Amino acid sequence: MSILQEYEEHSKYLGQETIDAISEYISFLETKGIIILYSDIIYKKEEWQKFANWRKKVYNIKHGKGSKGD
């Protein structure tokens, strides 16, 4: 499976909204001088948890959702 096919599978499984949130999270971290890769978030449980926490506290509020919403 090519990397593009794998990313397409991620999009199907996670949903485009989550993929968009990951992209925004990566950009957010870059503004703080932290470099992280998409694959780190997808494949490392600790990084996924950091993303999930950020999404609840920052992303969902910014996009008009409650802290529990997806």
PDB file of N, CA and C in Angstrom:
ATOM      1  N   MET A   1       0.853  -1.176   0.000  1.00  0.00           N
ATOM      2  CA  MET A   1       0.000   0.000   0.000  1.00  0.00           C
ATOM      3  C   MET A   1       0.896   1.235   0.000  1.00  0.00           C
ATOM      4  N   SER A   2       0.586   2.155  -0.889  1.00  0.00           N
ATOM      5  CA  SER A   2       1.366   3.391  -0.948  1.00  0.00           C
ATOM      6  C   SER A   2       0.982   4.300   0.217  1.00  0.00           C
ATOM      7  N   ILE A   3       1.816   5.266   0.462  1.00  0.00           N
ATOM      8  CA  ILE A   3       1.547   6.206   1.550  1.00  0.00           C
ATOM      9  C   ILE A   3       0.266   7.007   1.281  1.00  0.00           C
ATOM     10  N   LEU A   4       0.017   7.338   0.024  1.00  0.00           N
ATOM     11  CA  LEU A   4      -1.209   8.069  -0.305  1.00  0.00           C
ATOM     12  C   LEU A   4      -2.446   7.214  -0.065  1.00  0.00           C
ATOM     13  N   GLN A   5      -2.359   5.938  -0.378  1.00  0.00           N
ATOM     14  CA  GLN A   5      -3.477   5.035  -0.110  1.00  0.00           C
ATOM     15  C   GLN A   5      -3.697   4.898   1.396  1.00  0.00           C
ATOM     16  N   GLU A   6      -2.601   4.829   2.127  1.00  0.00           N
ATOM     17  CA  GLU A   6      -2.700   4.717   3.578  1.00  0.00           C
ATOM     18  C   GLU A   6      -3.360   5.967   4.168  1.00  0.00           C
ATOM     19  N   TYR A   7      -2.967   7.148   3.706  1.00  0.00           N
ATOM     20  CA  TYR A   7      -3.569   8.379   4.191  1.00  0.00           C
ATOM     21  C   TYR A   7      -5.050   8.457   3.808  1.00  0.00           C
ATOM     22  N   GLU A   8      -5.397   7.949   2.649  1.00  0.00           N
ATOM     23  CA  GLU A   8      -6.800   7.904   2.237  1.00  0.00           C
ATOM     24  C   GLU A   8      -7.601   7.016   3.189  1.00  0.00           C
ATOM     25  N   GLU A   9      -7.007   5.909   3.599  1.00  0.00           N
ATOM     26  CA  GLU A   9      -7.664   5.025   4.571  1.00  0.00           C
ATOM     27  C   GLU A   9      -7.854   5.744   5.908  1.00  0.00           C
ATOM     28  N   HIS A  10      -6.854   6.512   6.316  1.00  0.00           N
ATOM     29  CA  HIS A  10      -6.983   7.290   7.556  1.00  0.00           C
ATOM     30  C   HIS A  10      -8.164   8.241   7.459  1.00  0.00           C
ATOM     31  N   SER A  11      -8.270   8.901   6.314  1.00  0.00           N
ATOM     32  CA  SER A  11      -9.358   9.849   6.112  1.00  0.00           C
ATOM     33  C   SER A  11     -10.722   9.163   6.202  1.00  0.00           C
ATOM     34  N   LYS A  12     -10.809   7.990   5.625  1.00  0.00           N
ATOM     35  CA  LYS A  12     -12.076   7.238   5.684  1.00  0.00           C
ATOM     36  C   LYS A  12     -12.386   6.817   7.117  1.00  0.00           C
ATOM     37  N   TYR A  13     -11.370   6.351   7.821  1.00  0.00           N
ATOM     38  CA  TYR A  13     -11.561   5.833   9.177  1.00  0.00           C
ATOM     39  C   TYR A  13     -11.792   6.965  10.190  1.00  0.00           C
ATOM     40  N   LEU A  14     -10.971   8.002  10.119  1.00  0.00           N
ATOM     41  CA  LEU A  14     -11.037   9.079  11.107  1.00  0.00           C
ATOM     42  C   LEU A  14     -12.018  10.179  10.735  1.00  0.00           C
ATOM     43  N   GLY A  15     -12.232  10.360   9.455  1.00  0.00           N
ATOM     44  CA  GLY A  15     -13.087  11.439   8.972  1.00  0.00           C
ATOM     45  C   GLY A  15     -12.249  12.651   8.606  1.00  0.00           C
ATOM     46  N   GLN A  16     -12.716  13.375   7.623  1.00  0.00           N
ATOM     47  CA  GLN A  16     -11.967  14.525   7.137  1.00  0.00           C
ATOM     48  C   GLN A  16     -11.819  15.603   8.193  1.00  0.00           C
ATOM     49  N   GLU A  17     -12.797  15.753   9.052  1.00  0.00           N
ATOM     50  CA  GLU A  17     -12.715  16.766  10.104  1.00  0.00           C
ATOM     51  C   GLU A  17     -11.533  16.501  11.038  1.00  0.00           C
ATOM     52  N   THR A  18     -11.308  15.252  11.376  1.00  0.00           N
ATOM     53  CA  THR A  18     -10.171  14.905  12.231  1.00  0.00           C
ATOM     54  C   THR A  18      -8.858  15.135  11.501  1.00  0.00           C
ATOM     55  N   ILE A  19      -8.806  14.780  10.234  1.00  0.00           N
ATOM     56  CA  ILE A  19      -7.598  15.015   9.441  1.00  0.00           C
ATOM     57  C   ILE A  19      -7.304  16.514   9.388  1.00  0.00           C
ATOM     58  N   ASP A  20      -8.324  17.320   9.200  1.00  0.00           N
ATOM     59  CA  ASP A  20      -8.151  18.777   9.187  1.00  0.00           C
ATOM     60  C   ASP A  20      -7.658  19.282  10.547  1.00  0.00           C
ATOM     61  N   ALA A  21      -8.195  18.721  11.619  1.00  0.00           N
ATOM     62  CA  ALA A  21      -7.781  19.116  12.971  1.00  0.00           C
ATOM     63  C   ALA A  21      -6.315  18.751  13.203  1.00  0.00           C
ATOM     64  N   ILE A  22      -5.883  17.600  12.709  1.00  0.00           N
ATOM     65  CA  ILE A  22      -4.482  17.206  12.845  1.00  0.00           C
ATOM     66  C   ILE A  22      -3.587  18.211  12.133  1.00  0.00           C
ATOM     67  N   SER A  23      -3.978  18.602  10.954  1.00  0.00           N
ATOM     68  CA  SER A  23      -3.201  19.586  10.196  1.00  0.00           C
ATOM     69  C   SER A  23      -3.098  20.907  10.963  1.00  0.00           C
ATOM     70  N   GLU A  24      -4.198  21.342  11.523  1.00  0.00           N
ATOM     71  CA  GLU A  24      -4.187  22.588  12.292  1.00  0.00           C
ATOM     72  C   GLU A  24      -3.341  22.441  13.556  1.00  0.00           C
ATOM     73  N   TYR A  25      -3.383  21.283  14.193  1.00  0.00           N
ATOM     74  CA  TYR A  25      -2.572  21.007  15.383  1.00  0.00           C
ATOM     75  C   TYR A  25      -1.086  21.081  15.042  1.00  0.00           C
ATOM     76  N   ILE A  26      -0.694  20.498  13.927  1.00  0.00           N
ATOM     77  CA  ILE A  26       0.703  20.538  13.498  1.00  0.00           C
ATOM     78  C   ILE A  26       1.136  21.991  13.275  1.00  0.00           C
ATOM     79  N   SER A  27       0.293  22.772  12.631  1.00  0.00           N
ATOM     80  CA  SER A  27       0.595  24.194  12.407  1.00  0.00           C
ATOM     81  C   SER A  27       0.684  24.957  13.725  1.00  0.00           C
ATOM     82  N   PHE A  28      -0.218  24.660  14.643  1.00  0.00           N
ATOM     83  CA  PHE A  28      -0.214  25.285  15.963  1.00  0.00           C
ATOM     84  C   PHE A  28       1.101  25.016  16.681  1.00  0.00           C
ATOM     85  N   LEU A  29       1.550  23.759  16.663  1.00  0.00           N
ATOM     86  CA  LEU A  29       2.806  23.416  17.320  1.00  0.00           C
ATOM     87  C   LEU A  29       3.995  24.096  16.654  1.00  0.00           C
ATOM     88  N   GLU A  30       3.958  24.215  15.338  1.00  0.00           N
ATOM     89  CA  GLU A  30       5.050  24.885  14.618  1.00  0.00           C
ATOM     90  C   GLU A  30       5.199  26.336  15.069  1.00  0.00           C
ATOM     91  N   THR A  31       4.087  27.004  15.392  1.00  0.00           N
ATOM     92  CA  THR A  31       4.164  28.389  15.863  1.00  0.00           C
ATOM     93  C   THR A  31       4.853  28.463  17.220  1.00  0.00           C
ATOM     94  N   LYS A  32       4.882  27.369  17.929  1.00  0.00           N
ATOM     95  CA  LYS A  32       5.542  27.298  19.228  1.00  0.00           C
ATOM     96  C   LYS A  32       6.948  26.714  19.117  1.00  0.00           C
ATOM     97  N   GLY A  33       7.396  26.475  17.885  1.00  0.00           N
ATOM     98  CA  GLY A  33       8.736  25.943  17.665  1.00  0.00           C
ATOM     99  C   GLY A  33       8.845  24.442  17.838  1.00  0.00           C
ATOM    100  N   ILE A  34       7.707  23.762  17.845  1.00  0.00           N
ATOM    101  CA  ILE A  34       7.682  22.305  18.009  1.00  0.00           C
ATOM    102  C   ILE A  34       7.374  21.684  16.658  1.00  0.00           C
ATOM    103  N   ILE A  35       8.249  20.804  16.223  1.00  0.00           N
ATOM    104  CA  ILE A  35       8.057  20.130  14.947  1.00  0.00           C
ATOM    105  C   ILE A  35       7.603  18.703  15.223  1.00  0.00           C
ATOM    106  N   ILE A  36       6.467  18.340  14.655  1.00  0.00           N
ATOM    107  CA  ILE A  36       5.921  16.995  14.796  1.00  0.00           C
ATOM    108  C   ILE A  36       5.369  16.569  13.440  1.00  0.00           C
ATOM    109  N   LEU A  37       5.425  15.316  13.181  1.00  0.00           N
ATOM    110  CA  LEU A  37       4.949  14.782  11.911  1.00  0.00           C
ATOM    111  C   LEU A  37       3.553  14.190  12.059  1.00  0.00           C
ATOM    112  N   TYR A  38       2.829  14.175  10.967  1.00  0.00           N
ATOM    113  CA  TYR A  38       1.513  13.531  10.921  1.00  0.00           C
ATOM    114  C   TYR A  38       1.612  12.092  11.420  1.00  0.00           C
ATOM    115  N   SER A  39       2.629  11.384  10.958  1.00  0.00           N
ATOM    116  CA  SER A  39       2.780   9.976  11.334  1.00  0.00           C
ATOM    117  C   SER A  39       3.020   9.810  12.835  1.00  0.00           C
ATOM    118  N   ASP A  40       3.663  10.791  13.476  1.00  0.00           N
ATOM    119  CA  ASP A  40       3.851  10.723  14.929  1.00  0.00           C
ATOM    120  C   ASP A  40       2.503  10.719  15.638  1.00  0.00           C
ATOM    121  N   ILE A  41       1.601  11.550  15.174  1.00  0.00           N
ATOM    122  CA  ILE A  41       0.282  11.653  15.804  1.00  0.00           C
ATOM    123  C   ILE A  41      -0.528  10.390  15.556  1.00  0.00           C
ATOM    124  N   ILE A  42      -0.471   9.882  14.353  1.00  0.00           N
ATOM    125  CA  ILE A  42      -1.262   8.708  13.990  1.00  0.00           C
ATOM    126  C   ILE A  42      -0.752   7.430  14.661  1.00  0.00           C
ATOM    127  N   TYR A  43       0.554   7.274  14.739  1.00  0.00           N
ATOM    128  CA  TYR A  43       1.115   5.986  15.163  1.00  0.00           C
ATOM    129  C   TYR A  43       1.663   5.949  16.585  1.00  0.00           C
ATOM    130  N   LYS A  44       1.754   7.079  17.248  1.00  0.00           N
ATOM    131  CA  LYS A  44       2.276   7.096  18.619  1.00  0.00           C
ATOM    132  C   LYS A  44       1.157   7.485  19.580  1.00  0.00           C
ATOM    133  N   LYS A  45       0.828   6.553  20.459  1.00  0.00           N
ATOM    134  CA  LYS A  45      -0.304   6.754  21.370  1.00  0.00           C
ATOM    135  C   LYS A  45      -0.165   8.034  22.197  1.00  0.00           C
ATOM    136  N   GLU A  46       1.025   8.304  22.689  1.00  0.00           N
ATOM    137  CA  GLU A  46       1.243   9.490  23.514  1.00  0.00           C
ATOM    138  C   GLU A  46       0.982  10.768  22.714  1.00  0.00           C
ATOM    139  N   GLU A  47       1.447  10.805  21.474  1.00  0.00           N
ATOM    140  CA  GLU A  47       1.212  11.979  20.635  1.00  0.00           C
ATOM    141  C   GLU A  47      -0.257  12.115  20.254  1.00  0.00           C
ATOM    142  N   TRP A  48      -0.927  10.984  20.013  1.00  0.00           N
ATOM    143  CA  TRP A  48      -2.355  11.025  19.710  1.00  0.00           C
ATOM    144  C   TRP A  48      -3.118  11.611  20.902  1.00  0.00           C
ATOM    145  N   GLN A  49      -2.731  11.221  22.113  1.00  0.00           N
ATOM    146  CA  GLN A  49      -3.409  11.722  23.304  1.00  0.00           C
ATOM    147  C   GLN A  49      -3.208  13.226  23.457  1.00  0.00           C
ATOM    148  N   LYS A  50      -1.990  13.706  23.166  1.00  0.00           N
ATOM    149  CA  LYS A  50      -1.743  15.144  23.215  1.00  0.00           C
ATOM    150  C   LYS A  50      -2.637  15.873  22.203  1.00  0.00           C
ATOM    151  N   PHE A  51      -2.745  15.300  21.004  1.00  0.00           N
ATOM    152  CA  PHE A  51      -3.614  15.883  19.977  1.00  0.00           C
ATOM    153  C   PHE A  51      -5.063  15.889  20.456  1.00  0.00           C
ATOM    154  N   ALA A  52      -5.525  14.766  20.991  1.00  0.00           N
ATOM    155  CA  ALA A  52      -6.914  14.657  21.442  1.00  0.00           C
ATOM    156  C   ALA A  52      -7.216  15.686  22.538  1.00  0.00           C
ATOM    157  N   ASN A  53      -6.283  15.877  23.452  1.00  0.00           N
ATOM    158  CA  ASN A  53      -6.472  16.873  24.513  1.00  0.00           C
ATOM    159  C   ASN A  53      -6.527  18.282  23.940  1.00  0.00           C
ATOM    160  N   TRP A  54      -5.625  18.589  23.007  1.00  0.00           N
ATOM    161  CA  TRP A  54      -5.628  19.901  22.344  1.00  0.00           C
ATOM    162  C   TRP A  54      -6.942  20.109  21.609  1.00  0.00           C
ATOM    163  N   ARG A  55      -7.394  19.073  20.942  1.00  0.00           N
ATOM    164  CA  ARG A  55      -8.640  19.196  20.172  1.00  0.00           C
ATOM    165  C   ARG A  55      -9.813  19.531  21.083  1.00  0.00           C
ATOM    166  N   LYS A  56      -9.878  18.890  22.233  1.00  0.00           N
ATOM    167  CA  LYS A  56     -10.966  19.171  23.176  1.00  0.00           C
ATOM    168  C   LYS A  56     -10.884  20.584  23.727  1.00  0.00           C
ATOM    169  N   LYS A  57      -9.672  21.026  24.044  1.00  0.00           N
ATOM    170  CA  LYS A  57      -9.501  22.314  24.716  1.00  0.00           C
ATOM    171  C   LYS A  57      -9.425  23.503  23.770  1.00  0.00           C
ATOM    172  N   VAL A  58      -8.907  23.318  22.567  1.00  0.00           N
ATOM    173  CA  VAL A  58      -8.667  24.446  21.677  1.00  0.00           C
ATOM    174  C   VAL A  58      -9.491  24.355  20.401  1.00  0.00           C
ATOM    175  N   TYR A  59      -9.314  23.296  19.657  1.00  0.00           N
ATOM    176  CA  TYR A  59      -9.904  23.178  18.327  1.00  0.00           C
ATOM    177  C   TYR A  59     -11.429  23.198  18.363  1.00  0.00           C
ATOM    178  N   ASN A  60     -12.030  22.395  19.222  1.00  0.00           N
ATOM    179  CA  ASN A  60     -13.491  22.321  19.263  1.00  0.00           C
ATOM    180  C   ASN A  60     -14.113  23.652  19.677  1.00  0.00           C
ATOM    181  N   ILE A  61     -13.492  24.328  20.618  1.00  0.00           N
ATOM    182  CA  ILE A  61     -14.018  25.618  21.047  1.00  0.00           C
ATOM    183  C   ILE A  61     -13.899  26.632  19.914  1.00  0.00           C
ATOM    184  N   LYS A  62     -12.752  26.630  19.249  1.00  0.00           N
ATOM    185  CA  LYS A  62     -12.513  27.556  18.133  1.00  0.00           C
ATOM    186  C   LYS A  62     -13.523  27.328  17.005  1.00  0.00           C
ATOM    187  N   HIS A  63     -13.963  26.084  16.832  1.00  0.00           N
ATOM    188  CA  HIS A  63     -14.869  25.748  15.746  1.00  0.00           C
ATOM    189  C   HIS A  63     -16.316  25.598  16.215  1.00  0.00           C
ATOM    190  N   GLY A  64     -16.637  26.182  17.380  1.00  0.00           N
ATOM    191  CA  GLY A  64     -18.003  26.269  17.848  1.00  0.00           C
ATOM    192  C   GLY A  64     -18.601  24.981  18.367  1.00  0.00           C
ATOM    193  N   LYS A  65     -17.760  24.126  18.940  1.00  0.00           N
ATOM    194  CA  LYS A  65     -18.261  22.875  19.498  1.00  0.00           C
ATOM    195  C   LYS A  65     -17.951  22.842  20.976  1.00  0.00           C
ATOM    196  N   GLY A  66     -18.740  22.096  21.707  1.00  0.00           N
ATOM    197  CA  GLY A  66     -18.458  21.889  23.110  1.00  0.00           C
ATOM    198  C   GLY A  66     -17.228  21.039  23.292  1.00  0.00           C
ATOM    199  N   SER A  67     -16.703  20.991  24.488  1.00  0.00           N
ATOM    200  CA  SER A  67     -15.473  20.241  24.735  1.00  0.00           C
ATOM    201  C   SER A  67     -15.651  18.736  24.567  1.00  0.00           C
ATOM    202  N   LYS A  68     -16.896  18.251  24.569  1.00  0.00           N
ATOM    203  CA  LYS A  68     -17.127  16.827  24.409  1.00  0.00           C
ATOM    204  C   LYS A  68     -17.439  16.449  22.965  1.00  0.00           C
ATOM    205  N   GLY A  69     -17.723  17.412  22.130  1.00  0.00           N
ATOM    206  CA  GLY A  69     -18.156  17.135  20.769  1.00  0.00           C
ATOM    207  C   GLY A  69     -17.048  16.729  19.839  1.00  0.00           C
ATOM    208  N   ASP A  70     -17.419  15.977  18.822  1.00  0.00           N
ATOM    209  CA  ASP A  70     -16.497  15.625  17.745  1.00  0.00           C
ATOM    210  C   ASP A  70     -17.067  16.108  16.454  1.00  0.00           C
TER     211      ASP A  70
END
